[in-house]
Amino acid sequence: MGEEDGRFFLSQMIEVLGYIQSKGVVHRDLKLENILVDDNMNLKVADFGFATYKKINKLQSYRGTMTYMAPEIKEGKTYDGKQIDVFSTGVILFIIV
């Protein structure tokens, strides 16, 4: 996509993460397949099947897609769901740029 489109994508993802996290929710399975794009390049995040709102800063369950997953999940450590969503967003950005 290139840097300019990557910045546009990232700014929207930051808004999405800010919104869902302000509601006390974490997605835990952010990946390209869960991001929908309309005709105006507006993003919609889909598939909240692994999302949670309980104890989001001290999660332990193994959730997500391996290639987008933060190391602490793979290692079976307690993790902060907000940080996990940011990590996955970084992986997505790396892929598209």
PDB file of N, CA and C in Angstrom:
ATOM      1  N   MET A   1       0.812  -1.204   0.000  1.00  0.00           N
ATOM      2  CA  MET A   1       0.000   0.000   0.000  1.00  0.00           C
ATOM      3  C   MET A   1       0.851   1.262   0.000  1.00  0.00           C
ATOM      4  N   GLY A   2       2.020   1.191   0.600  1.00  0.00           N
ATOM      5  CA  GLY A   2       2.877   2.359   0.675  1.00  0.00           C
ATOM      6  C   GLY A   2       2.693   3.122   1.977  1.00  0.00           C
ATOM      7  N   GLU A   3       3.607   4.055   2.203  1.00  0.00           N
ATOM      8  CA  GLU A   3       3.618   4.789   3.471  1.00  0.00           C
ATOM      9  C   GLU A   3       2.407   5.687   3.678  1.00  0.00           C
ATOM     10  N   GLU A   4       1.999   6.396   2.638  1.00  0.00           N
ATOM     11  CA  GLU A   4       0.873   7.325   2.797  1.00  0.00           C
ATOM     12  C   GLU A   4      -0.409   6.576   3.162  1.00  0.00           C
ATOM     13  N   ASP A   5      -0.693   5.513   2.443  1.00  0.00           N
ATOM     14  CA  ASP A   5      -1.873   4.715   2.757  1.00  0.00           C
ATOM     15  C   ASP A   5      -1.723   4.025   4.110  1.00  0.00           C
ATOM     16  N   GLY A   6      -0.505   3.646   4.433  1.00  0.00           N
ATOM     17  CA  GLY A   6      -0.236   3.050   5.737  1.00  0.00           C
ATOM     18  C   GLY A   6      -0.548   4.009   6.878  1.00  0.00           C
ATOM     19  N   ARG A   7      -0.191   5.276   6.708  1.00  0.00           N
ATOM     20  CA  ARG A   7      -0.511   6.295   7.719  1.00  0.00           C
ATOM     21  C   ARG A   7      -2.019   6.472   7.852  1.00  0.00           C
ATOM     22  N   PHE A   8      -2.718   6.483   6.720  1.00  0.00           N
ATOM     23  CA  PHE A   8      -4.177   6.600   6.728  1.00  0.00           C
ATOM     24  C   PHE A   8      -4.799   5.416   7.467  1.00  0.00           C
ATOM     25  N   PHE A   9      -4.322   4.217   7.157  1.00  0.00           N
ATOM     26  CA  PHE A   9      -4.793   3.017   7.828  1.00  0.00           C
ATOM     27  C   PHE A   9      -4.512   3.090   9.329  1.00  0.00           C
ATOM     28  N   LEU A  10      -3.284   3.438   9.689  1.00  0.00           N
ATOM     29  CA  LEU A  10      -2.899   3.470  11.092  1.00  0.00           C
ATOM     30  C   LEU A  10      -3.724   4.493  11.872  1.00  0.00           C
ATOM     31  N   SER A  11      -3.981   5.647  11.288  1.00  0.00           N
ATOM     32  CA  SER A  11      -4.765   6.650  12.016  1.00  0.00           C
ATOM     33  C   SER A  11      -6.174   6.126  12.304  1.00  0.00           C
ATOM     34  N   GLN A  12      -6.748   5.403  11.360  1.00  0.00           N
ATOM     35  CA  GLN A  12      -8.069   4.823  11.604  1.00  0.00           C
ATOM     36  C   GLN A  12      -8.007   3.714  12.656  1.00  0.00           C
ATOM     37  N   MET A  13      -6.973   2.891  12.594  1.00  0.00           N
ATOM     38  CA  MET A  13      -6.845   1.813  13.577  1.00  0.00           C
ATOM     39  C   MET A  13      -6.642   2.369  14.986  1.00  0.00           C
ATOM     40  N   ILE A  14      -5.909   3.465  15.105  1.00  0.00           N
ATOM     41  CA  ILE A  14      -5.728   4.101  16.411  1.00  0.00           C
ATOM     42  C   ILE A  14      -7.075   4.583  16.947  1.00  0.00           C
ATOM     43  N   GLU A  15      -7.899   5.158  16.066  1.00  0.00           N
ATOM     44  CA  GLU A  15      -9.239   5.578  16.483  1.00  0.00           C
ATOM     45  C   GLU A  15     -10.083   4.389  16.929  1.00  0.00           C
ATOM     46  N   VAL A  16     -10.028   3.300  16.170  1.00  0.00           N
ATOM     47  CA  VAL A  16     -10.791   2.095  16.518  1.00  0.00           C
ATOM     48  C   VAL A  16     -10.339   1.554  17.871  1.00  0.00           C
ATOM     49  N   LEU A  17      -9.028   1.392  18.046  1.00  0.00           N
ATOM     50  CA  LEU A  17      -8.512   0.877  19.316  1.00  0.00           C
ATOM     51  C   LEU A  17      -8.875   1.795  20.469  1.00  0.00           C
ATOM     52  N   GLY A  18      -8.757   3.094  20.255  1.00  0.00           N
ATOM     53  CA  GLY A  18      -9.126   4.051  21.296  1.00  0.00           C
ATOM     54  C   GLY A  18     -10.583   3.915  21.697  1.00  0.00           C
ATOM     55  N   TYR A  19     -11.439   3.733  20.708  1.00  0.00           N
ATOM     56  CA  TYR A  19     -12.868   3.616  20.984  1.00  0.00           C
ATOM     57  C   TYR A  19     -13.186   2.327  21.746  1.00  0.00           C
ATOM     58  N   ILE A  20     -12.741   1.185  21.218  1.00  0.00           N
ATOM     59  CA  ILE A  20     -13.109  -0.064  21.887  1.00  0.00           C
ATOM     60  C   ILE A  20     -12.469  -0.164  23.266  1.00  0.00           C
ATOM     61  N   GLN A  21     -11.248   0.366  23.398  1.00  0.00           N
ATOM     62  CA  GLN A  21     -10.594   0.314  24.706  1.00  0.00           C
ATOM     63  C   GLN A  21     -11.233   1.288  25.686  1.00  0.00           C
ATOM     64  N   SER A  22     -11.795   2.395  25.190  1.00  0.00           N
ATOM     65  CA  SER A  22     -12.504   3.319  26.083  1.00  0.00           C
ATOM     66  C   SER A  22     -13.770   2.670  26.644  1.00  0.00           C
ATOM     67  N   LYS A  23     -14.269   1.665  25.942  1.00  0.00           N
ATOM     68  CA  LYS A  23     -15.439   0.911  26.395  1.00  0.00           C
ATOM     69  C   LYS A  23     -15.023  -0.289  27.256  1.00  0.00           C
ATOM     70  N   GLY A  24     -13.704  -0.438  27.472  1.00  0.00           N
ATOM     71  CA  GLY A  24     -13.206  -1.532  28.300  1.00  0.00           C
ATOM     72  C   GLY A  24     -13.169  -2.865  27.584  1.00  0.00           C
ATOM     73  N   VAL A  25     -13.064  -2.837  26.253  1.00  0.00           N
ATOM     74  CA  VAL A  25     -13.066  -4.058  25.453  1.00  0.00           C
ATOM     75  C   VAL A  25     -11.726  -4.202  24.736  1.00  0.00           C
ATOM     76  N   VAL A  26     -11.260  -5.443  24.616  1.00  0.00           N
ATOM     77  CA  VAL A  26     -10.105  -5.747  23.770  1.00  0.00           C
ATOM     78  C   VAL A  26     -10.521  -6.816  22.764  1.00  0.00           C
ATOM     79  N   HIS A  27      -9.979  -6.740  21.559  1.00  0.00           N
ATOM     80  CA  HIS A  27     -10.380  -7.614  20.456  1.00  0.00           C
ATOM     81  C   HIS A  27      -9.690  -8.976  20.518  1.00  0.00           C
ATOM     82  N   ARG A  28      -8.404  -8.999  20.651  1.00  0.00           N
ATOM     83  CA  ARG A  28      -7.533 -10.172  20.777  1.00  0.00           C
ATOM     84  C   ARG A  28      -7.387 -11.023  19.524  1.00  0.00           C
ATOM     85  N   ASP A  29      -7.917 -10.586  18.401  1.00  0.00           N
ATOM     86  CA  ASP A  29      -7.696 -11.322  17.153  1.00  0.00           C
ATOM     87  C   ASP A  29      -7.684 -10.372  15.960  1.00  0.00           C
ATOM     88  N   LEU A  30      -6.993  -9.249  16.128  1.00  0.00           N
ATOM     89  CA  LEU A  30      -6.878  -8.306  15.018  1.00  0.00           C
ATOM     90  C   LEU A  30      -5.955  -8.900  13.961  1.00  0.00           C
ATOM     91  N   LYS A  31      -6.439  -8.943  12.742  1.00  0.00           N
ATOM     92  CA  LYS A  31      -5.685  -9.442  11.594  1.00  0.00           C
ATOM     93  C   LYS A  31      -6.336  -8.892  10.339  1.00  0.00           C
ATOM     94  N   LEU A  32      -5.639  -9.008   9.218  1.00  0.00           N
ATOM     95  CA  LEU A  32      -6.171  -8.462   7.971  1.00  0.00           C
ATOM     96  C   LEU A  32      -7.560  -9.000   7.647  1.00  0.00           C
ATOM     97  N   GLU A  33      -7.788 -10.261   7.913  1.00  0.00           N
ATOM     98  CA  GLU A  33      -9.068 -10.877   7.583  1.00  0.00           C
ATOM     99  C   GLU A  33     -10.223 -10.300   8.403  1.00  0.00           C
ATOM    100  N   ASN A  34      -9.922  -9.640   9.517  1.00  0.00           N
ATOM    101  CA  ASN A  34     -10.954  -9.064  10.376  1.00  0.00           C
ATOM    102  C   ASN A  34     -11.116  -7.557  10.193  1.00  0.00           C
ATOM    103  N   ILE A  35     -10.517  -7.029   9.146  1.00  0.00           N
ATOM    104  CA  ILE A  35     -10.648  -5.599   8.851  1.00  0.00           C
ATOM    105  C   ILE A  35     -11.342  -5.449   7.504  1.00  0.00           C
ATOM    106  N   LEU A  36     -12.497  -4.824   7.540  1.00  0.00           N
ATOM    107  CA  LEU A  36     -13.276  -4.596   6.330  1.00  0.00           C
ATOM    108  C   LEU A  36     -13.051  -3.164   5.873  1.00  0.00           C
ATOM    109  N   VAL A  37     -13.085  -2.939   4.581  1.00  0.00           N
ATOM    110  CA  VAL A  37     -12.851  -1.611   4.013  1.00  0.00           C
ATOM    111  C   VAL A  37     -14.008  -1.277   3.080  1.00  0.00           C
ATOM    112  N   ASP A  38     -14.599  -0.072   3.257  1.00  0.00           N
ATOM    113  CA  ASP A  38     -15.688   0.324   2.368  1.00  0.00           C
ATOM    114  C   ASP A  38     -15.143   1.067   1.145  1.00  0.00           C
ATOM    115  N   ASP A  39     -16.032   1.581   0.313  1.00  0.00           N
ATOM    116  CA  ASP A  39     -15.631   2.255  -0.932  1.00  0.00           C
ATOM    117  C   ASP A  39     -14.801   3.515  -0.694  1.00  0.00           C
ATOM    118  N   ASN A  40     -14.933   4.109   0.487  1.00  0.00           N
ATOM    119  CA  ASN A  40     -14.177   5.324   0.818  1.00  0.00           C
ATOM    120  C   ASN A  40     -12.934   5.030   1.636  1.00  0.00           C
ATOM    121  N   MET A  41     -12.545   3.747   1.688  1.00  0.00           N
ATOM    122  CA  MET A  41     -11.365   3.295   2.452  1.00  0.00           C
ATOM    123  C   MET A  41     -11.530   3.467   3.960  1.00  0.00           C
ATOM    124  N   ASN A  42     -12.762   3.499   4.432  1.00  0.00           N
ATOM    125  CA  ASN A  42     -13.019   3.541   5.868  1.00  0.00           C
ATOM    126  C   ASN A  42     -12.981   2.123   6.410  1.00  0.00           C
ATOM    127  N   LEU A  43     -12.310   1.951   7.543  1.00  0.00           N
ATOM    128  CA  LEU A  43     -12.142   0.626   8.127  1.00  0.00           C
ATOM    129  C   LEU A  43     -13.290   0.277   9.058  1.00  0.00           C
ATOM    130  N   LYS A  44     -13.616  -0.987   9.067  1.00  0.00           N
ATOM    131  CA  LYS A  44     -14.574  -1.562  10.009  1.00  0.00           C
ATOM    132  C   LYS A  44     -13.920  -2.815  10.568  1.00  0.00           C
ATOM    133  N   VAL A  45     -13.868  -2.925  11.871  1.00  0.00           N
ATOM    134  CA  VAL A  45     -13.286  -4.112  12.495  1.00  0.00           C
ATOM    135  C   VAL A  45     -14.400  -5.121  12.742  1.00  0.00           C
ATOM    136  N   ALA A  46     -14.147  -6.361  12.363  1.00  0.00           N
ATOM    137  CA  ALA A  46     -15.141  -7.427  12.473  1.00  0.00           C
ATOM    138  C   ALA A  46     -14.633  -8.556  13.362  1.00  0.00           C
ATOM    139  N   ASP A  47     -15.489  -9.518  13.606  1.00  0.00           N
ATOM    140  CA  ASP A  47     -15.197 -10.759  14.317  1.00  0.00           C
ATOM    141  C   ASP A  47     -14.677 -10.505  15.738  1.00  0.00           C
ATOM    142  N   PHE A  48     -15.595 -10.187  16.612  1.00  0.00           N
ATOM    143  CA  PHE A  48     -15.259  -9.973  18.010  1.00  0.00           C
ATOM    144  C   PHE A  48     -15.423 -11.250  18.834  1.00  0.00           C
ATOM    145  N   GLY A  49     -15.233 -12.399  18.190  1.00  0.00           N
ATOM    146  CA  GLY A  49     -15.407 -13.690  18.849  1.00  0.00           C
ATOM    147  C   GLY A  49     -14.466 -13.942  20.007  1.00  0.00           C
ATOM    148  N   PHE A  50     -13.250 -13.398  19.971  1.00  0.00           N
ATOM    149  CA  PHE A  50     -12.287 -13.557  21.062  1.00  0.00           C
ATOM    150  C   PHE A  50     -12.225 -12.329  21.966  1.00  0.00           C
ATOM    151  N   ALA A  51     -13.053 -11.340  21.689  1.00  0.00           N
ATOM    152  CA  ALA A  51     -13.043 -10.101  22.478  1.00  0.00           C
ATOM    153  C   ALA A  51     -13.479 -10.382  23.910  1.00  0.00           C
ATOM    154  N   THR A  52     -13.004  -9.523  24.801  1.00  0.00           N
ATOM    155  CA  THR A  52     -13.411  -9.639  26.200  1.00  0.00           C
ATOM    156  C   THR A  52     -13.425  -8.260  26.841  1.00  0.00           C
ATOM    157  N   TYR A  53     -14.133  -8.167  27.952  1.00  0.00           N
ATOM    158  CA  TYR A  53     -14.186  -6.929  28.719  1.00  0.00           C
ATOM    159  C   TYR A  53     -13.865  -7.208  30.196  1.00  0.00           C
ATOM    160  N   LYS A  54     -13.485  -8.429  30.499  1.00  0.00           N
ATOM    161  CA  LYS A  54     -13.206  -8.811  31.882  1.00  0.00           C
ATOM    162  C   LYS A  54     -11.708  -8.877  32.137  1.00  0.00           C
ATOM    163  N   LYS A  55     -11.261  -8.149  33.145  1.00  0.00           N
ATOM    164  CA  LYS A  55      -9.849  -8.173  33.564  1.00  0.00           C
ATOM    165  C   LYS A  55      -8.895  -8.047  32.374  1.00  0.00           C
ATOM    166  N   ILE A  56      -9.131  -7.050  31.530  1.00  0.00           N
ATOM    167  CA  ILE A  56      -8.382  -6.948  30.274  1.00  0.00           C
ATOM    168  C   ILE A  56      -6.894  -6.675  30.456  1.00  0.00           C
ATOM    169  N   ASN A  57      -6.495  -6.252  31.637  1.00  0.00           N
ATOM    170  CA  ASN A  57      -5.064  -5.995  31.850  1.00  0.00           C
ATOM    171  C   ASN A  57      -4.341  -7.198  32.458  1.00  0.00           C
ATOM    172  N   LYS A  58      -5.070  -8.280  32.739  1.00  0.00           N
ATOM    173  CA  LYS A  58      -4.447  -9.490  33.309  1.00  0.00           C
ATOM    174  C   LYS A  58      -5.080 -10.733  32.698  1.00  0.00           C
ATOM    175  N   LEU A  59      -4.880 -10.888  31.393  1.00  0.00           N
ATOM    176  CA  LEU A  59      -5.457 -12.030  30.683  1.00  0.00           C
ATOM    177  C   LEU A  59      -4.450 -13.169  30.607  1.00  0.00           C
ATOM    178  N   GLN A  60      -4.965 -14.372  30.502  1.00  0.00           N
ATOM    179  CA  GLN A  60      -4.080 -15.536  30.424  1.00  0.00           C
ATOM    180  C   GLN A  60      -4.468 -16.509  29.320  1.00  0.00           C
ATOM    181  N   SER A  61      -5.668 -16.402  28.775  1.00  0.00           N
ATOM    182  CA  SER A  61      -6.128 -17.380  27.793  1.00  0.00           C
ATOM    183  C   SER A  61      -5.396 -17.221  26.463  1.00  0.00           C
ATOM    184  N   TYR A  62      -5.189 -18.341  25.818  1.00  0.00           N
ATOM    185  CA  TYR A  62      -4.494 -18.396  24.539  1.00  0.00           C
ATOM    186  C   TYR A  62      -5.501 -18.086  23.438  1.00  0.00           C
ATOM    187  N   ARG A  63      -5.516 -16.846  22.962  1.00  0.00           N
ATOM    188  CA  ARG A  63      -6.472 -16.405  21.951  1.00  0.00           C
ATOM    189  C   ARG A  63      -5.742 -15.657  20.839  1.00  0.00           C
ATOM    190  N   GLY A  64      -6.285 -15.748  19.647  1.00  0.00           N
ATOM    191  CA  GLY A  64      -5.729 -15.006  18.532  1.00  0.00           C
ATOM    192  C   GLY A  64      -5.235 -15.906  17.425  1.00  0.00           C
ATOM    193  N   THR A  65      -4.645 -15.290  16.424  1.00  0.00           N
ATOM    194  CA  THR A  65      -4.080 -15.995  15.278  1.00  0.00           C
ATOM    195  C   THR A  65      -2.572 -15.969  15.408  1.00  0.00           C
ATOM    196  N   MET A  66      -1.961 -17.119  15.304  1.00  0.00           N
ATOM    197  CA  MET A  66      -0.532 -17.294  15.599  1.00  0.00           C
ATOM    198  C   MET A  66       0.363 -16.229  14.956  1.00  0.00           C
ATOM    199  N   THR A  67       0.167 -15.931  13.683  1.00  0.00           N
ATOM    200  CA  THR A  67       1.080 -15.010  12.995  1.00  0.00           C
ATOM    201  C   THR A  67       0.911 -13.547  13.412  1.00  0.00           C
ATOM    202  N   TYR A  68      -0.173 -13.226  14.101  1.00  0.00           N
ATOM    203  CA  TYR A  68      -0.413 -11.852  14.574  1.00  0.00           C
ATOM    204  C   TYR A  68      -0.275 -11.758  16.097  1.00  0.00           C
ATOM    205  N   MET A  69       0.067 -12.850  16.728  1.00  0.00           N
ATOM    206  CA  MET A  69       0.038 -12.982  18.181  1.00  0.00           C
ATOM    207  C   MET A  69       1.314 -12.453  18.840  1.00  0.00           C
ATOM    208  N   ALA A  70       1.141 -11.733  19.920  1.00  0.00           N
ATOM    209  CA  ALA A  70       2.274 -11.216  20.689  1.00  0.00           C
ATOM    210  C   ALA A  70       3.005 -12.361  21.388  1.00  0.00           C
ATOM    211  N   PRO A  71       4.300 -12.208  21.606  1.00  0.00           N
ATOM    212  CA  PRO A  71       5.099 -13.278  22.211  1.00  0.00           C
ATOM    213  C   PRO A  71       4.604 -13.727  23.581  1.00  0.00           C
ATOM    214  N   GLU A  72       4.097 -12.800  24.392  1.00  0.00           N
ATOM    215  CA  GLU A  72       3.672 -13.188  25.740  1.00  0.00           C
ATOM    216  C   GLU A  72       2.498 -14.168  25.732  1.00  0.00           C
ATOM    217  N   ILE A  73       1.665 -14.106  24.707  1.00  0.00           N
ATOM    218  CA  ILE A  73       0.578 -15.085  24.601  1.00  0.00           C
ATOM    219  C   ILE A  73       1.162 -16.447  24.263  1.00  0.00           C
ATOM    220  N   LYS A  74       2.064 -16.480  23.291  1.00  0.00           N
ATOM    221  CA  LYS A  74       2.685 -17.737  22.883  1.00  0.00           C
ATOM    222  C   LYS A  74       3.447 -18.384  24.041  1.00  0.00           C
ATOM    223  N   GLU A  75       4.007 -17.552  24.905  1.00  0.00           N
ATOM    224  CA  GLU A  75       4.785 -18.058  26.042  1.00  0.00           C
ATOM    225  C   GLU A  75       3.912 -18.428  27.237  1.00  0.00           C
ATOM    226  N   GLY A  76       2.619 -18.199  27.139  1.00  0.00           N
ATOM    227  CA  GLY A  76       1.706 -18.550  28.227  1.00  0.00           C
ATOM    228  C   GLY A  76       1.763 -17.620  29.422  1.00  0.00           C
ATOM    229  N   LYS A  77       2.257 -16.407  29.216  1.00  0.00           N
ATOM    230  CA  LYS A  77       2.356 -15.430  30.302  1.00  0.00           C
ATOM    231  C   LYS A  77       1.051 -14.644  30.440  1.00  0.00           C
ATOM    232  N   THR A  78       0.863 -14.023  31.590  1.00  0.00           N
ATOM    233  CA  THR A  78      -0.243 -13.087  31.780  1.00  0.00           C
ATOM    234  C   THR A  78       0.036 -11.864  30.906  1.00  0.00           C
ATOM    235  N   TYR A  79      -1.002 -11.360  30.238  1.00  0.00           N
ATOM    236  CA  TYR A  79      -0.784 -10.244  29.318  1.00  0.00           C
ATOM    237  C   TYR A  79      -1.880  -9.193  29.442  1.00  0.00           C
ATOM    238  N   ASP A  80      -1.548  -8.001  28.967  1.00  0.00           N
ATOM    239  CA  ASP A  80      -2.478  -6.875  28.928  1.00  0.00           C
ATOM    240  C   ASP A  80      -3.141  -6.868  27.545  1.00  0.00           C
ATOM    241  N   GLY A  81      -4.447  -7.006  27.507  1.00  0.00           N
ATOM    242  CA  GLY A  81      -5.175  -7.073  26.244  1.00  0.00           C
ATOM    243  C   GLY A  81      -4.997  -5.846  25.366  1.00  0.00           C
ATOM    244  N   LYS A  82      -4.864  -4.677  25.976  1.00  0.00           N
ATOM    245  CA  LYS A  82      -4.659  -3.456  25.188  1.00  0.00           C
ATOM    246  C   LYS A  82      -3.346  -3.536  24.420  1.00  0.00           C
ATOM    247  N   GLN A  83      -2.307  -4.007  25.090  1.00  0.00           N
ATOM    248  CA  GLN A  83      -0.996  -4.121  24.448  1.00  0.00           C
ATOM    249  C   GLN A  83      -1.007  -5.164  23.338  1.00  0.00           C
ATOM    250  N   ILE A  84      -1.781  -6.218  23.533  1.00  0.00           N
ATOM    251  CA  ILE A  84      -1.893  -7.267  22.526  1.00  0.00           C
ATOM    252  C   ILE A  84      -2.519  -6.714  21.249  1.00  0.00           C
ATOM    253  N   ASP A  85      -3.569  -5.914  21.390  1.00  0.00           N
ATOM    254  CA  ASP A  85      -4.214  -5.312  20.217  1.00  0.00           C
ATOM    255  C   ASP A  85      -3.272  -4.349  19.498  1.00  0.00           C
ATOM    256  N   VAL A  86      -2.465  -3.621  20.244  1.00  0.00           N
ATOM    257  CA  VAL A  86      -1.496  -2.711  19.622  1.00  0.00           C
ATOM    258  C   VAL A  86      -0.438  -3.511  18.868  1.00  0.00           C
ATOM    259  N   PHE A  87       0.035  -4.605  19.465  1.00  0.00           N
ATOM    260  CA  PHE A  87       1.025  -5.458  18.806  1.00  0.00           C
ATOM    261  C   PHE A  87       0.474  -5.975  17.480  1.00  0.00           C
ATOM    262  N   SER A  88      -0.746  -6.492  17.499  1.00  0.00           N
ATOM    263  CA  SER A  88      -1.362  -7.032  16.281  1.00  0.00           C
ATOM    264  C   SER A  88      -1.532  -5.953  15.217  1.00  0.00           C
ATOM    265  N   THR A  89      -1.860  -4.742  15.635  1.00  0.00           N
ATOM    266  CA  THR A  89      -1.983  -3.622  14.707  1.00  0.00           C
ATOM    267  C   THR A  89      -0.635  -3.349  14.041  1.00  0.00           C
ATOM    268  N   GLY A  90       0.433  -3.427  14.812  1.00  0.00           N
ATOM    269  CA  GLY A  90       1.782  -3.251  14.249  1.00  0.00           C
ATOM    270  C   GLY A  90       2.116  -4.306  13.219  1.00  0.00           C
ATOM    271  N   VAL A  91       1.738  -5.552  13.471  1.00  0.00           N
ATOM    272  CA  VAL A  91       1.960  -6.626  12.498  1.00  0.00           C
ATOM    273  C   VAL A  91       1.194  -6.344  11.211  1.00  0.00           C
ATOM    274  N   ILE A  92      -0.063  -5.924  11.362  1.00  0.00           N
ATOM    275  CA  ILE A  92      -0.881  -5.603  10.178  1.00  0.00           C
ATOM    276  C   ILE A  92      -0.239  -4.471   9.381  1.00  0.00           C
ATOM    277  N   LEU A  93       0.195  -3.431  10.077  1.00  0.00           N
ATOM    278  CA  LEU A  93       0.829  -2.291   9.406  1.00  0.00           C
ATOM    279  C   LEU A  93       2.080  -2.737   8.659  1.00  0.00           C
ATOM    280  N   PHE A  94       2.879  -3.591   9.269  1.00  0.00           N
ATOM    281  CA  PHE A  94       4.084  -4.107   8.627  1.00  0.00           C
ATOM    282  C   PHE A  94       3.729  -4.846   7.334  1.00  0.00           C
ATOM    283  N   ILE A  95       2.673  -5.624   7.374  1.00  0.00           N
ATOM    284  CA  ILE A  95       2.260  -6.400   6.208  1.00  0.00           C
ATOM    285  C   ILE A  95       1.789  -5.501   5.067  1.00  0.00           C
ATOM    286  N   ILE A  96       0.990  -4.506   5.383  1.00  0.00           N
ATOM    287  CA  ILE A  96       0.395  -3.696   4.306  1.00  0.00           C
ATOM    288  C   ILE A  96       1.334  -2.646   3.719  1.00  0.00           C
ATOM    289  N   VAL A  97       2.327  -2.235   4.499  1.00  0.00           N
ATOM    290  CA  VAL A  97       3.257  -1.219   3.984  1.00  0.00           C
ATOM    291  C   VAL A  97       4.406  -1.931   3.317  1.00  0.00           C
TER     292      VAL A  97
END
